[in-house]
């Protein structure tokens, strides 16, 4: 029987609920394996003066890159605002639309609008009922999870904001001499992992192998709560490397790494926000232990350049966005779907098809 090293490590991490628990002697082994600080971890190679790192671990095939803290607090708030006010609504598909009920689209739009407009520190549960049910949204080319294929129907273009952030990461890697910049981004999947649904919110190990383009950069943006992200090889028999992805970080997978097994076995939630029985604690972030702010709320921690951290509460950012940043993990996985055919090959292809007709 072939061993499943990926599953074994995934199962171990599923029991970890927060960073605080990793200080216990029982979890010292897992804690020692977790890649938390790219600048000092021997499994990472710094590429340039900026914070760009290539994973050089034997646990990873192909080209995988970490760019910690690339997105500012305002960048993340802008993405979340666009998601709630525009991208998560029809005609973009999600786990809430389309649904059997014909009015599901209106219900979704009204629920998200109510959430976005909330202003109380302890929001009315009714304003959270829709957002806490939202698990995934597709943007750009639409994806059908049941048939595992992209739909041929007309769709809205991938939002330019997502394209610009993904391109920013690719440009940094191009400047570092790692990849070229001939790639286009056509689709994105947003996953939402809610602290209120913990411990059920996770992403099982899988490969992104349905796209025709299997080598160009796949860019993942992390927002909100930190997670443990497992990145392995093309088979489950290889033990993956556990990465701590925090808000504002970006992970780029290219070439063989794009075909690697990966997943999210756990979202790390501050103890004061974890479920107690069947009740979700809605404690104010102001009451959290600041020891792990570098992971739970990295935008509050001064960066290496000495810049001053933002204020704990930015009145220009809606309360709903602050809520998501501290009570959910939101990720955007941005990718190319179709293989880009060089101009000369495209002309030959058209000529062949014309002759065949």
Protein backbone atom coordinates (compact mmCIF):
# COMPACT_ATOMS: atom_id res chain seq x y z
CA UNK A 1 0.00 0.00 0.00
CA UNK A 2 1.34 3.43 -0.98
CA UNK A 3 1.83 5.74 1.98
CA UNK A 4 -0.05 9.03 2.08
CA UNK A 5 2.41 11.37 3.75
CA UNK A 6 0.31 14.36 2.78
CA UNK A 7 -2.74 13.01 4.62
CA UNK A 8 -0.70 12.15 7.70
CA UNK A 9 0.60 15.70 8.14
CA UNK A 10 -2.75 17.19 7.17
CA UNK A 11 -4.45 15.18 9.94
CA UNK A 12 -1.95 16.38 12.53
CA UNK A 13 -2.43 20.04 11.67
CA UNK A 14 -6.22 19.78 11.74
CA UNK A 15 -6.12 19.53 15.53
CA UNK A 16 -4.19 22.80 15.90
CA UNK A 17 -6.53 25.71 16.59
CA UNK A 18 -4.24 28.65 17.30
CA UNK A 19 -0.63 29.78 17.47
CA UNK A 20 -0.69 29.82 21.26
CA UNK A 21 -1.12 26.04 21.41
CA UNK A 22 2.10 25.52 19.43
CA UNK A 23 4.04 26.57 22.52
CA UNK A 24 3.06 23.32 24.24
CA UNK A 25 5.58 20.48 24.40
CA UNK A 26 3.10 18.09 22.74
CA UNK A 27 3.12 20.17 19.56
CA UNK A 28 6.79 21.14 19.54
CA UNK A 29 7.44 18.87 16.57
CA UNK A 30 4.80 20.54 14.42
CA UNK A 31 5.86 23.99 15.58
CA UNK A 32 9.43 23.27 14.55
CA UNK A 33 8.36 22.32 11.01
CA UNK A 34 6.15 25.37 10.42
CA UNK A 35 7.76 27.95 8.15
CA UNK A 36 6.85 31.19 9.91
CA UNK A 37 9.66 33.61 9.06
CA UNK A 38 10.98 33.41 5.52
CA UNK A 39 13.87 35.79 6.20
CA UNK A 40 15.52 33.43 8.68
CA UNK A 41 14.37 29.99 7.52
CA UNK A 42 16.98 27.93 5.62
CA UNK A 43 14.21 26.54 3.42
CA UNK A 44 13.91 30.00 1.83
CA UNK A 45 16.33 31.85 -0.42
CA UNK A 46 16.08 35.63 -0.57
CA UNK A 47 16.03 36.81 -4.18
CA UNK A 48 16.62 40.54 -3.90
CA UNK A 49 16.71 43.46 -1.47
CA UNK A 50 12.93 43.29 -1.10
CA UNK A 51 10.97 40.61 0.74
CA UNK A 52 10.85 37.97 -2.01
CA UNK A 53 11.77 34.38 -1.23
CA UNK A 54 12.12 31.20 -3.24
CA UNK A 55 11.34 27.92 -1.48
CA UNK A 56 14.40 25.70 -1.75
CA UNK A 57 13.14 22.81 0.35
CA UNK A 58 13.38 19.26 -1.01
CA UNK A 59 9.70 18.96 -0.08
CA UNK A 60 8.74 21.15 -3.05
CA UNK A 61 9.10 20.54 -6.79
CA UNK A 62 9.23 23.38 -9.27
CA UNK A 63 9.19 27.06 -8.51
CA UNK A 64 7.38 28.36 -5.42
CA UNK A 65 7.79 31.89 -4.06
CA UNK A 66 6.71 33.68 -0.90
CA UNK A 67 6.20 37.45 -0.82
CA UNK A 68 5.26 38.36 2.78
CA UNK A 69 3.39 41.59 3.47
CA UNK A 70 3.15 42.68 -0.16
CA UNK A 71 -0.39 44.03 0.25
CA UNK A 72 -1.05 46.91 2.63
CA UNK A 73 -4.01 47.16 4.99
CA UNK A 74 -5.72 49.47 2.49
CA UNK A 75 -5.07 47.02 -0.37
CA UNK A 76 -6.74 44.25 1.60
CA UNK A 77 -9.68 46.46 2.58
CA UNK A 78 -10.15 47.43 -1.07
CA UNK A 79 -10.26 43.78 -2.15
CA UNK A 80 -12.77 42.82 0.54
CA UNK A 81 -15.00 45.80 -0.26
CA UNK A 82 -15.06 44.86 -3.94
CA UNK A 83 -15.80 41.23 -3.05
CA UNK A 84 -18.80 42.07 -0.87
CA UNK A 85 -20.24 44.89 -2.98
CA UNK A 86 -19.69 43.45 -6.44
CA UNK A 87 -17.81 40.21 -7.06
CA UNK A 88 -19.78 37.90 -4.74
CA UNK A 89 -23.08 38.67 -6.49
CA UNK A 90 -24.58 37.23 -9.71
CA UNK A 91 -23.65 36.54 -12.43
CA UNK A 92 -20.51 35.28 -10.64
CA UNK A 93 -21.08 31.77 -9.33
CA UNK A 94 -20.72 30.92 -5.64
CA UNK A 95 -21.82 28.25 -3.20
CA UNK A 96 -24.95 30.41 -2.67
CA UNK A 97 -25.78 31.14 -6.33
CA UNK A 98 -27.23 29.82 -8.54
CA UNK A 99 -29.63 27.96 -6.26
CA UNK A 100 -32.98 26.23 -6.71
CA UNK A 101 -34.92 29.18 -5.28
CA UNK A 102 -35.45 31.73 -8.08
CA UNK A 103 -35.01 34.63 -5.66
CA UNK A 104 -31.61 33.41 -4.41
CA UNK A 105 -29.75 36.12 -6.28
CA UNK A 106 -31.78 38.90 -4.66
CA UNK A 107 -31.44 37.28 -1.23
CA UNK A 108 -27.67 37.11 -1.65
CA UNK A 109 -27.37 40.73 -2.77
CA UNK A 110 -29.58 42.03 0.03
CA UNK A 111 -27.76 39.98 2.67
CA UNK A 112 -24.32 41.16 1.57
CA UNK A 113 -25.51 44.77 1.44
CA UNK A 114 -26.85 44.48 4.99
CA UNK A 115 -23.54 43.07 6.17
CA UNK A 116 -21.52 45.78 4.45
CA UNK A 117 -23.64 48.54 6.03
CA UNK A 118 -23.38 47.27 9.61
CA UNK A 119 -21.86 49.74 12.06
CA UNK A 120 -22.17 48.25 15.55
CA UNK A 121 -19.19 46.78 17.38
CA UNK A 122 -21.36 43.77 18.26
CA UNK A 123 -23.37 43.30 15.06
CA UNK A 124 -26.88 41.97 14.86
CA UNK A 125 -26.63 38.23 14.03
CA UNK A 126 -29.01 38.77 11.11
CA UNK A 127 -26.40 40.95 9.40
CA UNK A 128 -23.96 38.03 9.53
CA UNK A 129 -26.29 35.27 8.35
CA UNK A 130 -25.36 35.53 4.67
CA UNK A 131 -21.66 36.35 4.87
CA UNK A 132 -20.98 33.43 7.22
CA UNK A 133 -22.63 31.07 4.72
CA UNK A 134 -20.51 32.30 1.82
CA UNK A 135 -17.68 29.83 1.21
CA UNK A 136 -16.44 30.43 -2.33
CA UNK A 137 -16.89 32.75 -5.30
CA UNK A 138 -15.58 32.47 -8.87
CA UNK A 139 -14.52 35.50 -10.90
CA UNK A 140 -13.56 35.84 -14.53
CA UNK A 141 -13.99 32.49 -16.28
CA UNK A 142 -16.60 30.60 -14.31
CA UNK A 143 -15.85 27.20 -12.80
CA UNK A 144 -18.29 24.31 -12.30
CA UNK A 145 -17.25 22.36 -9.20
CA UNK A 146 -19.51 19.38 -9.97
CA UNK A 147 -17.98 18.67 -13.39
CA UNK A 148 -14.55 20.17 -12.56
CA UNK A 149 -14.40 22.27 -15.69
CA UNK A 150 -14.61 25.88 -16.79
CA UNK A 151 -17.91 26.90 -18.34
CA UNK A 152 -17.97 28.06 -21.97
CA UNK A 153 -20.62 30.68 -21.24
CA UNK A 154 -19.91 34.38 -21.55
CA UNK A 155 -18.76 35.88 -18.27
CA UNK A 156 -17.55 39.14 -16.85
CA UNK A 157 -13.82 39.70 -17.29
CA UNK A 158 -11.57 39.01 -14.34
CA UNK A 159 -11.66 42.19 -12.21
CA UNK A 160 -8.81 44.53 -13.06
CA UNK A 161 -8.00 44.95 -9.37
CA UNK A 162 -7.18 41.25 -9.08
CA UNK A 163 -5.20 41.34 -12.32
CA UNK A 164 -3.17 44.30 -11.06
CA UNK A 165 -2.24 42.64 -7.76
CA UNK A 166 -1.32 39.34 -9.43
CA UNK A 167 0.71 41.22 -12.02
CA UNK A 168 2.52 43.11 -9.24
CA UNK A 169 3.77 39.81 -7.82
CA UNK A 170 4.76 38.47 -11.25
CA UNK A 171 6.61 41.70 -12.08
CA UNK A 172 8.67 41.39 -8.90
CA UNK A 173 9.68 37.87 -9.90
CA UNK A 174 10.45 39.03 -13.41
CA UNK A 175 12.71 41.78 -12.05
CA UNK A 176 14.46 39.13 -9.94
CA UNK A 177 15.14 37.11 -13.10
CA UNK A 178 12.90 34.19 -12.09
CA UNK A 179 10.10 34.25 -14.68
CA UNK A 180 9.03 36.13 -17.78
CA UNK A 181 6.01 38.39 -17.93
CA UNK A 182 4.08 36.99 -20.88
CA UNK A 183 1.26 35.63 -18.74
CA UNK A 184 -2.34 36.74 -18.62
CA UNK A 185 -4.80 36.10 -15.80
CA UNK A 186 -8.30 34.97 -16.70
CA UNK A 187 -9.89 33.42 -13.62
CA UNK A 188 -9.88 33.56 -9.84
CA UNK A 189 -11.45 31.59 -7.03
CA UNK A 190 -12.08 33.25 -3.69
CA UNK A 191 -12.32 31.00 -0.63
CA UNK A 192 -13.69 32.23 2.70
CA UNK A 193 -12.83 30.42 5.94
CA UNK A 194 -14.93 31.69 8.85
CA UNK A 195 -13.84 31.54 12.48
CA UNK A 196 -17.52 31.11 13.33
CA UNK A 197 -17.55 27.77 11.47
CA UNK A 198 -14.33 26.50 12.99
CA UNK A 199 -13.20 23.71 13.03
CA UNK A 200 -15.07 22.73 9.86
CA UNK A 201 -13.53 25.37 7.61
CA UNK A 202 -10.54 23.94 5.80
CA UNK A 203 -9.42 23.00 2.30
CA UNK A 204 -8.48 19.38 1.67
CA UNK A 205 -5.32 18.46 -0.22
CA UNK A 206 -5.81 18.67 -3.98
CA UNK A 207 -4.11 19.57 -7.26
CA UNK A 208 -5.16 22.37 -9.60
CA UNK A 209 -5.06 20.22 -12.71
CA UNK A 210 -8.14 21.21 -14.72
CA UNK A 211 -6.67 24.21 -16.52
CA UNK A 212 -5.19 23.81 -19.98
CA UNK A 213 -2.34 26.04 -18.82
CA UNK A 214 -0.51 24.03 -16.16
CA UNK A 215 2.75 25.93 -15.78
CA UNK A 216 2.15 29.70 -15.71
CA UNK A 217 2.02 31.54 -12.36
CA UNK A 218 -0.79 30.78 -9.94
CA UNK A 219 -0.94 33.67 -7.47
CA UNK A 220 -2.62 33.33 -4.08
CA UNK A 221 -3.45 36.37 -1.96
CA UNK A 222 -4.07 35.88 1.77
CA UNK A 223 -6.26 38.28 3.77
CA UNK A 224 -7.48 38.18 7.38
CA UNK A 225 -6.68 35.39 9.82
CA UNK A 226 -3.52 33.31 9.31
CA UNK A 227 -3.59 29.73 8.08
CA UNK A 228 -1.32 26.74 7.76
CA UNK A 229 -0.86 26.03 4.06
CA UNK A 230 0.54 22.63 3.09
CA UNK A 231 2.56 22.53 -0.14
CA UNK A 232 3.82 19.20 -1.41
CA UNK A 233 4.72 17.54 -4.69
CA UNK A 234 2.74 15.91 -7.50
CA UNK A 235 1.93 12.81 -5.43
CA UNK A 236 0.50 12.42 -1.96
CA UNK A 237 3.34 10.09 -0.96
CA UNK A 238 5.65 13.09 -0.47
CA UNK A 239 5.55 14.92 2.84
CA UNK A 240 4.49 18.55 2.29
CA UNK A 241 6.02 21.64 3.82
CA UNK A 242 3.75 23.66 6.19
CA UNK A 243 3.74 27.40 5.52
CA UNK A 244 2.23 30.07 7.75
CA UNK A 245 0.39 32.48 5.44
CA UNK A 246 -0.56 35.78 7.07
CA UNK A 247 -2.62 38.74 5.89
CA UNK A 248 -1.11 40.61 2.96
CA UNK A 249 1.21 37.79 1.89
CA UNK A 250 1.30 36.33 -1.60
CA UNK A 251 2.30 32.85 -2.72
CA UNK A 252 3.25 32.22 -6.34
CA UNK A 253 3.46 28.72 -7.83
CA UNK A 254 4.86 28.14 -11.32
CA UNK A 255 5.95 25.23 -13.51
CA UNK A 256 5.86 21.90 -11.61
CA UNK A 257 4.88 23.59 -8.35
CA UNK A 258 1.60 24.56 -9.99
CA UNK A 259 0.72 20.85 -10.12
CA UNK A 260 1.64 20.16 -6.50
CA UNK A 261 -0.78 18.89 -3.87
CA UNK A 262 -1.73 21.70 -1.53
CA UNK A 263 -4.40 22.58 0.98
CA UNK A 264 -5.35 24.38 4.18
CA UNK A 265 -5.80 22.01 7.15
CA UNK A 266 -6.45 24.74 9.70
CA UNK A 267 -7.23 28.41 10.17
CA UNK A 268 -5.53 29.83 13.25
CA UNK A 269 -8.05 31.69 15.41
CA UNK A 270 -7.25 33.75 18.53
CA UNK A 271 -8.46 31.84 21.63
CA UNK A 272 -10.92 34.59 22.58
CA UNK A 273 -12.68 34.14 19.24
CA UNK A 274 -12.93 30.36 19.20
CA UNK A 275 -16.15 28.41 19.52
CA UNK A 276 -17.25 27.62 23.06
CA UNK A 277 -19.61 24.69 22.77
CA UNK A 278 -21.95 25.79 19.99
CA UNK A 279 -21.52 29.46 20.75
CA UNK A 280 -19.19 31.67 18.76
CA UNK A 281 -17.31 34.17 20.87
CA UNK A 282 -17.55 37.65 19.39
CA UNK A 283 -14.91 39.26 21.61
CA UNK A 284 -13.51 42.60 20.47
CA UNK A 285 -10.02 42.33 18.93
CA UNK A 286 -8.97 44.98 21.46
CA UNK A 287 -9.14 42.26 24.14
CA UNK A 288 -6.74 39.89 22.33
CA UNK A 289 -3.29 39.06 23.61
CA UNK A 290 -0.99 41.23 21.44
CA UNK A 291 1.83 38.65 21.57
CA UNK A 292 0.76 37.16 18.24
CA UNK A 293 -0.36 40.33 16.50
CA UNK A 294 2.45 39.71 13.97
CA UNK A 295 0.35 36.79 12.69
CA UNK A 296 -3.26 37.57 13.65
CA UNK A 297 -3.13 41.28 12.76
CA UNK A 298 0.17 41.99 10.98
CA UNK A 299 -0.99 45.41 9.80
CA UNK A 300 -0.62 46.63 13.41
CA UNK A 301 3.07 45.72 13.55
CA UNK A 302 5.74 48.10 12.28
CA UNK A 303 7.60 46.79 9.24
CA UNK A 304 11.35 46.45 8.77
CA UNK A 305 11.58 49.82 7.05
CA UNK A 306 10.62 51.53 10.29
CA UNK A 307 7.29 52.83 9.06
CA UNK A 308 4.68 53.55 11.69
CA UNK A 309 1.88 50.99 11.92
CA UNK A 310 -1.66 52.14 11.15
CA UNK A 311 -4.13 52.94 13.87
CA UNK A 312 -5.97 49.94 15.40
CA UNK A 313 -9.22 51.26 13.94
CA UNK A 314 -9.34 53.13 10.65
CA UNK A 315 -12.61 55.05 10.49
CA UNK A 316 -12.40 55.24 6.69
CA UNK A 317 -12.74 51.45 6.42
CA UNK A 318 -16.26 50.01 6.91
CA UNK A 319 -16.89 48.02 10.08
CA UNK A 320 -17.78 45.00 7.94
CA UNK A 321 -14.26 44.96 6.50
CA UNK A 322 -12.67 45.16 9.95
CA UNK A 323 -14.94 42.28 10.94
CA UNK A 324 -13.76 40.05 8.08
CA UNK A 325 -10.11 40.92 8.62
CA UNK A 326 -10.25 39.68 12.21
CA UNK A 327 -12.82 36.87 11.99
CA UNK A 328 -12.17 35.10 8.69
CA UNK A 329 -9.47 34.13 6.24
CA UNK A 330 -10.16 35.20 2.67
CA UNK A 331 -7.94 34.01 -0.15
CA UNK A 332 -7.90 34.82 -3.85
CA UNK A 333 -6.32 32.25 -6.17
CA UNK A 334 -5.62 33.98 -9.49
CA UNK A 335 -4.60 32.00 -12.56
CA UNK A 336 -4.34 31.57 -16.30
CA UNK A 337 -6.72 29.05 -17.79
CA UNK A 338 -5.86 28.81 -21.49
CA UNK A 339 -2.47 28.17 -23.02
CA UNK A 340 -1.17 31.27 -24.78
CA UNK A 341 -0.28 30.35 -28.39
CA UNK A 342 2.58 32.33 -29.99
CA UNK A 343 1.53 34.47 -32.95
CA UNK A 344 3.23 32.32 -35.61
CA UNK A 345 1.68 29.12 -34.19
CA UNK A 346 -1.71 30.83 -34.04
CA UNK A 347 -1.49 31.75 -37.74
CA UNK A 348 -0.55 28.16 -38.67
CA UNK A 349 -3.44 26.84 -36.57
CA UNK A 350 -5.90 29.14 -38.37
CA UNK A 351 -4.50 28.07 -41.75
CA UNK A 352 -4.85 24.36 -40.90
CA UNK A 353 -8.43 24.81 -39.71
CA UNK A 354 -9.28 26.80 -42.85
CA UNK A 355 -7.85 24.03 -45.06
CA UNK A 356 -9.76 21.35 -43.18
CA UNK A 357 -13.02 23.20 -43.67
